[in-house]
Amino acid sequence: MFDSECRRCSRLSKFLDQVKTDYPSYFARPVPPFGDRHARLLVVGLAPGMHGANATGRPFTGDYAGILLYETLYKYGFASKPESLSAADGLKLIDCRITNAVKCLPPQNKPIGSEINTCNQFLTEELKALPEGAVIVALGLVAHNAVLKALGVKLSAFKFAHEAQHTMPGGILLIDSYHCSRYNTQTRRLTPEMFHSVFARARNLLKAL
């Protein structure tokens, strides 16, 4: 399972050491998953952001990408509050858990293939813990591919596309979404309505169980 002291990737470990020197108050360690361990909805992102999860120690907290995510989770009943401000703000996820394909902050927010592959063992264990009928929302292509790899599925078997739905081994459902990054939302590649539609579908699928 998750290892808060993991230093398997030398490039990431060295980078985090430097970040901790530059920003002593930052979390600057592998960021743990957040939410209900028995949740039926798992949201998979890419990696912690420099001044977001890497600073606060909670996925999608403190950066731009988290604004739309947590507002949407609240809208569809997956969060107790519409804003995630800090790891100590009292926010709770409801039947939902958030994790990342890569648990450590990568330079320029771009993990390399070997780092994604090394971290995939943690995602594999997280997916094994999902209950029957679970739904996974993958935010972006890297998260989509990481989920497929963790499930032992060929990457060519399921193509990433916004709001595409795929049935995984064991009946787990995977829904793809464009990542709620600043770039995607400001360029309107991803609108709030498009993002809401993904989580509305997830909610309806879970209600149908």
C-alpha atoms as a PDB file:
ATOM      1  CA  MET A   1       0.000   0.000   0.000  1.00  0.00           C
ATOM      2  CA  PHE A   2       0.958   3.684   0.166  1.00  0.00           C
ATOM      3  CA  ASP A   3       4.464   4.383   1.451  1.00  0.00           C
ATOM      4  CA  SER A   4       4.909   7.875   2.888  1.00  0.00           C
ATOM      5  CA  GLU A   5       8.692   7.395   2.966  1.00  0.00           C
ATOM      6  CA  CYS A   6       9.040   6.087  -0.588  1.00  0.00           C
ATOM      7  CA  ARG A   7      12.254   7.146  -2.365  1.00  0.00           C
ATOM      8  CA  ARG A   8      12.216   4.633  -5.205  1.00  0.00           C
ATOM      9  CA  CYS A   9      12.507   7.315  -7.887  1.00  0.00           C
ATOM     10  CA  SER A  10      15.830   9.127  -7.455  1.00  0.00           C
ATOM     11  CA  ARG A  11      14.911  12.084  -9.677  1.00  0.00           C
ATOM     12  CA  LEU A  12      11.719  12.744  -7.728  1.00  0.00           C
ATOM     13  CA  SER A  13      13.375  12.222  -4.347  1.00  0.00           C
ATOM     14  CA  LYS A  14      16.146  14.701  -5.146  1.00  0.00           C
ATOM     15  CA  PHE A  15      13.628  17.201  -6.462  1.00  0.00           C
ATOM     16  CA  LEU A  16      11.487  16.934  -3.317  1.00  0.00           C
ATOM     17  CA  ASP A  17      14.575  17.418  -1.150  1.00  0.00           C
ATOM     18  CA  GLN A  18      15.301  20.655  -2.998  1.00  0.00           C
ATOM     19  CA  VAL A  19      11.672  21.794  -2.788  1.00  0.00           C
ATOM     20  CA  LYS A  20      11.671  21.177   0.976  1.00  0.00           C
ATOM     21  CA  THR A  21      14.801  23.325   1.252  1.00  0.00           C
ATOM     22  CA  ASP A  22      13.213  26.101  -0.791  1.00  0.00           C
ATOM     23  CA  TYR A  23       9.821  25.833   0.941  1.00  0.00           C
ATOM     24  CA  PRO A  24      10.370  24.460   4.477  1.00  0.00           C
ATOM     25  CA  SER A  25       6.670  24.630   5.364  1.00  0.00           C
ATOM     26  CA  TYR A  26       5.597  22.490   2.392  1.00  0.00           C
ATOM     27  CA  PHE A  27       4.575  18.841   2.796  1.00  0.00           C
ATOM     28  CA  ALA A  28       7.093  17.857   0.062  1.00  0.00           C
ATOM     29  CA  ARG A  29       6.679  14.087   0.418  1.00  0.00           C
ATOM     30  CA  PRO A  30       4.655  11.413  -1.348  1.00  0.00           C
ATOM     31  CA  VAL A  31       1.051  12.620  -1.052  1.00  0.00           C
ATOM     32  CA  PRO A  32      -1.333  10.016   0.385  1.00  0.00           C
ATOM     33  CA  PRO A  33      -4.744   9.250  -1.071  1.00  0.00           C
ATOM     34  CA  PHE A  34      -7.614  11.150   0.533  1.00  0.00           C
ATOM     35  CA  GLY A  35     -11.081   9.913   1.425  1.00  0.00           C
ATOM     36  CA  ASP A  36     -13.080   6.856   2.367  1.00  0.00           C
ATOM     37  CA  ARG A  37     -11.019   3.652   2.194  1.00  0.00           C
ATOM     38  CA  HIS A  38     -14.175   1.739   1.225  1.00  0.00           C
ATOM     39  CA  ALA A  39     -15.453   4.303  -1.287  1.00  0.00           C
ATOM     40  CA  ARG A  40     -17.184   3.181  -4.459  1.00  0.00           C
ATOM     41  CA  LEU A  41     -15.887   6.205  -6.408  1.00  0.00           C
ATOM     42  CA  LEU A  42     -12.142   6.596  -6.977  1.00  0.00           C
ATOM     43  CA  VAL A  43     -10.850   9.741  -8.693  1.00  0.00           C
ATOM     44  CA  VAL A  44      -7.375   9.318 -10.191  1.00  0.00           C
ATOM     45  CA  GLY A  45      -5.322  12.397 -11.049  1.00  0.00           C
ATOM     46  CA  LEU A  46      -1.840  12.810 -12.484  1.00  0.00           C
ATOM     47  CA  ALA A  47       0.506  13.994  -9.713  1.00  0.00           C
ATOM     48  CA  PRO A  48       0.671  16.584  -6.897  1.00  0.00           C
ATOM     49  CA  GLY A  49       1.025  20.215  -7.942  1.00  0.00           C
ATOM     50  CA  MET A  50       3.933  22.295  -6.652  1.00  0.00           C
ATOM     51  CA  HIS A  51       1.871  24.770  -4.637  1.00  0.00           C
ATOM     52  CA  GLY A  52      -1.152  22.500  -4.243  1.00  0.00           C
ATOM     53  CA  ALA A  53      -1.004  18.954  -2.893  1.00  0.00           C
ATOM     54  CA  ASN A  54       2.780  19.111  -2.594  1.00  0.00           C
ATOM     55  CA  ALA A  55       2.328  22.044  -0.209  1.00  0.00           C
ATOM     56  CA  THR A  56      -0.760  20.895   1.700  1.00  0.00           C
ATOM     57  CA  GLY A  57      -0.392  17.106   1.711  1.00  0.00           C
ATOM     58  CA  ARG A  58      -3.912  16.534   0.328  1.00  0.00           C
ATOM     59  CA  PRO A  59      -4.679  15.759  -3.331  1.00  0.00           C
ATOM     60  CA  PHE A  60      -5.972  18.729  -5.351  1.00  0.00           C
ATOM     61  CA  THR A  61      -5.856  21.050  -2.346  1.00  0.00           C
ATOM     62  CA  GLY A  62      -4.409  24.537  -2.603  1.00  0.00           C
ATOM     63  CA  ASP A  63      -4.140  24.729  -6.384  1.00  0.00           C
ATOM     64  CA  TYR A  64      -6.319  25.794  -9.291  1.00  0.00           C
ATOM     65  CA  ALA A  65      -7.202  22.266 -10.414  1.00  0.00           C
ATOM     66  CA  GLY A  66      -8.866  21.547  -7.098  1.00  0.00           C
ATOM     67  CA  ILE A  67     -11.359  24.393  -7.365  1.00  0.00           C
ATOM     68  CA  LEU A  68     -13.527  22.724 -10.001  1.00  0.00           C
ATOM     69  CA  LEU A  69     -12.945  19.210  -8.661  1.00  0.00           C
ATOM     70  CA  TYR A  70     -14.137  19.825  -5.111  1.00  0.00           C
ATOM     71  CA  GLU A  71     -17.003  22.071  -6.205  1.00  0.00           C
ATOM     72  CA  THR A  72     -18.161  19.238  -8.468  1.00  0.00           C
ATOM     73  CA  LEU A  73     -17.736  16.545  -5.816  1.00  0.00           C
ATOM     74  CA  TYR A  74     -19.858  18.647  -3.445  1.00  0.00           C
ATOM     75  CA  LYS A  75     -22.507  19.255  -6.107  1.00  0.00           C
ATOM     76  CA  TYR A  76     -23.015  15.515  -6.593  1.00  0.00           C
ATOM     77  CA  GLY A  77     -22.875  14.545  -2.937  1.00  0.00           C
ATOM     78  CA  PHE A  78     -19.316  13.212  -2.789  1.00  0.00           C
ATOM     79  CA  ALA A  79     -17.895  15.923  -0.481  1.00  0.00           C
ATOM     80  CA  SER A  80     -19.056  17.697   2.659  1.00  0.00           C
ATOM     81  CA  LYS A  81     -17.865  21.114   1.465  1.00  0.00           C
ATOM     82  CA  PRO A  82     -17.382  22.768  -1.953  1.00  0.00           C
ATOM     83  CA  GLU A  83     -13.832  23.952  -1.192  1.00  0.00           C
ATOM     84  CA  SER A  84     -10.694  22.143  -0.067  1.00  0.00           C
ATOM     85  CA  LEU A  85      -8.471  24.714   1.593  1.00  0.00           C
ATOM     86  CA  SER A  86      -6.077  22.675   3.726  1.00  0.00           C
ATOM     87  CA  ALA A  87      -5.621  19.201   5.134  1.00  0.00           C
ATOM     88  CA  ALA A  88      -7.042  20.472   8.421  1.00  0.00           C
ATOM     89  CA  ASP A  89     -10.183  22.207   7.114  1.00  0.00           C
ATOM     90  CA  GLY A  90     -12.584  19.471   8.213  1.00  0.00           C
ATOM     91  CA  LEU A  91     -13.692  18.561   4.691  1.00  0.00           C
ATOM     92  CA  LYS A  92     -14.718  14.932   4.289  1.00  0.00           C
ATOM     93  CA  LEU A  93     -15.315  12.892   1.172  1.00  0.00           C
ATOM     94  CA  ILE A  94     -18.466  10.785   1.009  1.00  0.00           C
ATOM     95  CA  ASP A  95     -18.223   7.383  -0.717  1.00  0.00           C
ATOM     96  CA  CYS A  96     -15.284   8.889  -2.623  1.00  0.00           C
ATOM     97  CA  ARG A  97     -11.500   8.687  -2.582  1.00  0.00           C
ATOM     98  CA  ILE A  98      -8.911  10.722  -4.502  1.00  0.00           C
ATOM     99  CA  THR A  99      -5.452   9.531  -5.485  1.00  0.00           C
ATOM    100  CA  ASN A 100      -2.807  10.227  -8.110  1.00  0.00           C
ATOM    101  CA  ALA A 101      -1.053   8.071 -10.686  1.00  0.00           C
ATOM    102  CA  VAL A 102       2.231   9.477  -9.326  1.00  0.00           C
ATOM    103  CA  LYS A 103       2.337  10.305  -5.631  1.00  0.00           C
ATOM    104  CA  CYS A 104       5.316  12.721  -5.715  1.00  0.00           C
ATOM    105  CA  LEU A 105       5.663  16.147  -7.275  1.00  0.00           C
ATOM    106  CA  PRO A 106       7.547  15.823 -10.590  1.00  0.00           C
ATOM    107  CA  PRO A 107       9.702  18.606 -12.077  1.00  0.00           C
ATOM    108  CA  GLN A 108       7.597  20.820 -14.370  1.00  0.00           C
ATOM    109  CA  ASN A 109       4.577  18.668 -13.418  1.00  0.00           C
ATOM    110  CA  LYS A 110       5.766  16.013 -15.887  1.00  0.00           C
ATOM    111  CA  PRO A 111       6.606  12.550 -14.541  1.00  0.00           C
ATOM    112  CA  ILE A 112       8.638  10.296 -16.822  1.00  0.00           C
ATOM    113  CA  GLY A 113       7.571   6.814 -17.839  1.00  0.00           C
ATOM    114  CA  SER A 114       9.731   4.956 -15.360  1.00  0.00           C
ATOM    115  CA  GLU A 115       8.311   7.025 -12.494  1.00  0.00           C
ATOM    116  CA  ILE A 116       4.746   6.347 -13.572  1.00  0.00           C
ATOM    117  CA  ASN A 117       5.547   2.635 -13.804  1.00  0.00           C
ATOM    118  CA  THR A 118       7.281   2.521 -10.420  1.00  0.00           C
ATOM    119  CA  CYS A 119       4.375   4.252  -8.691  1.00  0.00           C
ATOM    120  CA  ASN A 120       1.845   1.997 -10.416  1.00  0.00           C
ATOM    121  CA  GLN A 121       2.308  -0.669  -7.743  1.00  0.00           C
ATOM    122  CA  PHE A 122       0.595   1.625  -5.238  1.00  0.00           C
ATOM    123  CA  LEU A 123      -2.315   2.264  -7.592  1.00  0.00           C
ATOM    124  CA  THR A 124      -2.606  -1.482  -8.186  1.00  0.00           C
ATOM    125  CA  GLU A 125      -3.100  -2.052  -4.463  1.00  0.00           C
ATOM    126  CA  GLU A 126      -5.649   0.761  -4.279  1.00  0.00           C
ATOM    127  CA  LEU A 127      -7.668  -0.748  -7.110  1.00  0.00           C
ATOM    128  CA  LYS A 128      -7.634  -4.167  -5.454  1.00  0.00           C
ATOM    129  CA  ALA A 129      -9.367  -2.603  -2.456  1.00  0.00           C
ATOM    130  CA  LEU A 130     -12.279  -1.227  -4.509  1.00  0.00           C
ATOM    131  CA  PRO A 131     -15.666  -2.778  -3.721  1.00  0.00           C
ATOM    132  CA  GLU A 132     -17.819  -4.529  -6.301  1.00  0.00           C
ATOM    133  CA  GLY A 133     -19.520  -2.068  -8.637  1.00  0.00           C
ATOM    134  CA  ALA A 134     -16.954   0.683  -8.104  1.00  0.00           C
ATOM    135  CA  VAL A 135     -16.529   3.567 -10.529  1.00  0.00           C
ATOM    136  CA  ILE A 136     -13.174   5.124 -11.383  1.00  0.00           C
ATOM    137  CA  VAL A 137     -12.889   8.606 -12.888  1.00  0.00           C
ATOM    138  CA  ALA A 138      -9.539   9.087 -14.618  1.00  0.00           C
ATOM    139  CA  LEU A 139      -8.495  12.713 -15.023  1.00  0.00           C
ATOM    140  CA  GLY A 140      -6.437  12.785 -18.186  1.00  0.00           C
ATOM    141  CA  LEU A 141      -4.588  10.311 -20.393  1.00  0.00           C
ATOM    142  CA  VAL A 142      -1.791   9.526 -17.929  1.00  0.00           C
ATOM    143  CA  ALA A 143      -4.307   8.585 -15.238  1.00  0.00           C
ATOM    144  CA  HIS A 144      -6.326   6.558 -17.771  1.00  0.00           C
ATOM    145  CA  ASN A 145      -3.265   4.571 -18.835  1.00  0.00           C
ATOM    146  CA  ALA A 146      -2.126   4.124 -15.229  1.00  0.00           C
ATOM    147  CA  VAL A 147      -5.483   2.590 -14.312  1.00  0.00           C
ATOM    148  CA  LEU A 148      -5.331   0.199 -17.273  1.00  0.00           C
ATOM    149  CA  LYS A 149      -1.802  -0.852 -16.366  1.00  0.00           C
ATOM    150  CA  ALA A 150      -2.738  -1.345 -12.716  1.00  0.00           C
ATOM    151  CA  LEU A 151      -5.607  -3.590 -13.784  1.00  0.00           C
ATOM    152  CA  GLY A 152      -3.411  -5.591 -16.146  1.00  0.00           C
ATOM    153  CA  VAL A 153      -5.244  -4.381 -19.242  1.00  0.00           C
ATOM    154  CA  LYS A 154      -3.521  -3.603 -22.549  1.00  0.00           C
ATOM    155  CA  LEU A 155      -3.368   0.146 -23.133  1.00  0.00           C
ATOM    156  CA  SER A 156      -4.579  -0.365 -26.698  1.00  0.00           C
ATOM    157  CA  ALA A 157      -7.772  -2.050 -25.501  1.00  0.00           C
ATOM    158  CA  PHE A 158      -9.500   1.123 -24.310  1.00  0.00           C
ATOM    159  CA  LYS A 159      -8.975   4.513 -25.917  1.00  0.00           C
ATOM    160  CA  PHE A 160      -9.052   7.675 -23.814  1.00  0.00           C
ATOM    161  CA  ALA A 161     -11.774  10.180 -24.680  1.00  0.00           C
ATOM    162  CA  HIS A 162     -13.617  12.690 -22.564  1.00  0.00           C
ATOM    163  CA  GLU A 163     -16.667  11.055 -20.942  1.00  0.00           C
ATOM    164  CA  ALA A 164     -15.875   7.684 -22.499  1.00  0.00           C
ATOM    165  CA  GLN A 165     -17.030   4.793 -20.318  1.00  0.00           C
ATOM    166  CA  HIS A 166     -15.217   1.455 -20.204  1.00  0.00           C
ATOM    167  CA  THR A 167     -16.020  -1.792 -18.414  1.00  0.00           C
ATOM    168  CA  MET A 168     -12.933  -3.156 -16.693  1.00  0.00           C
ATOM    169  CA  PRO A 169     -12.205  -6.684 -15.450  1.00  0.00           C
ATOM    170  CA  GLY A 170     -14.308  -7.522 -12.434  1.00  0.00           C
ATOM    171  CA  GLY A 171     -17.065  -5.167 -13.541  1.00  0.00           C
ATOM    172  CA  ILE A 172     -15.355  -1.951 -12.452  1.00  0.00           C
ATOM    173  CA  LEU A 173     -16.422   0.992 -14.601  1.00  0.00           C
ATOM    174  CA  LEU A 174     -13.882   3.549 -15.810  1.00  0.00           C
ATOM    175  CA  ILE A 175     -15.001   7.003 -16.948  1.00  0.00           C
ATOM    176  CA  ASP A 176     -12.513   9.320 -18.617  1.00  0.00           C
ATOM    177  CA  SER A 177     -12.387  13.074 -18.216  1.00  0.00           C
ATOM    178  CA  TYR A 178     -10.077  15.785 -19.378  1.00  0.00           C
ATOM    179  CA  HIS A 179      -7.959  16.911 -16.432  1.00  0.00           C
ATOM    180  CA  CYS A 180      -9.340  19.899 -14.532  1.00  0.00           C
ATOM    181  CA  SER A 181      -6.075  21.804 -14.952  1.00  0.00           C
ATOM    182  CA  ARG A 182      -5.830  25.556 -15.278  1.00  0.00           C
ATOM    183  CA  TYR A 183      -4.830  25.199 -18.938  1.00  0.00           C
ATOM    184  CA  ASN A 184      -7.787  22.959 -19.839  1.00  0.00           C
ATOM    185  CA  THR A 185     -10.372  25.073 -18.043  1.00  0.00           C
ATOM    186  CA  GLN A 186      -9.071  28.451 -19.182  1.00  0.00           C
ATOM    187  CA  THR A 187      -8.857  27.347 -22.819  1.00  0.00           C
ATOM    188  CA  ARG A 188     -12.370  25.889 -22.481  1.00  0.00           C
ATOM    189  CA  ARG A 189     -11.182  22.465 -23.559  1.00  0.00           C
ATOM    190  CA  LEU A 190     -12.943  21.473 -20.360  1.00  0.00           C
ATOM    191  CA  THR A 191     -15.953  23.487 -19.227  1.00  0.00           C
ATOM    192  CA  PRO A 192     -17.649  23.131 -15.840  1.00  0.00           C
ATOM    193  CA  GLU A 193     -20.645  21.633 -17.618  1.00  0.00           C
ATOM    194  CA  MET A 194     -18.483  18.969 -19.272  1.00  0.00           C
ATOM    195  CA  PHE A 195     -16.873  18.109 -15.944  1.00  0.00           C
ATOM    196  CA  HIS A 196     -20.194  18.018 -14.121  1.00  0.00           C
ATOM    197  CA  SER A 197     -21.523  15.609 -16.729  1.00  0.00           C
ATOM    198  CA  VAL A 198     -18.794  13.097 -15.875  1.00  0.00           C
ATOM    199  CA  PHE A 199     -19.648  13.095 -12.183  1.00  0.00           C
ATOM    200  CA  ALA A 200     -23.381  13.124 -12.838  1.00  0.00           C
ATOM    201  CA  ARG A 201     -22.846   9.898 -14.751  1.00  0.00           C
ATOM    202  CA  ALA A 202     -20.746   8.451 -11.923  1.00  0.00           C
ATOM    203  CA  ARG A 203     -23.482   9.328  -9.428  1.00  0.00           C
ATOM    204  CA  ASN A 204     -26.188   7.756 -11.584  1.00  0.00           C
ATOM    205  CA  LEU A 205     -24.153   4.582 -12.060  1.00  0.00           C
ATOM    206  CA  LEU A 206     -23.667   4.227  -8.316  1.00  0.00           C
ATOM    207  CA  LYS A 207     -27.359   4.908  -7.658  1.00  0.00           C
ATOM    208  CA  ALA A 208     -28.248   2.102 -10.080  1.00  0.00           C
ATOM    209  CA  LEU A 209     -26.425  -0.514  -7.998  1.00  0.00           C
END
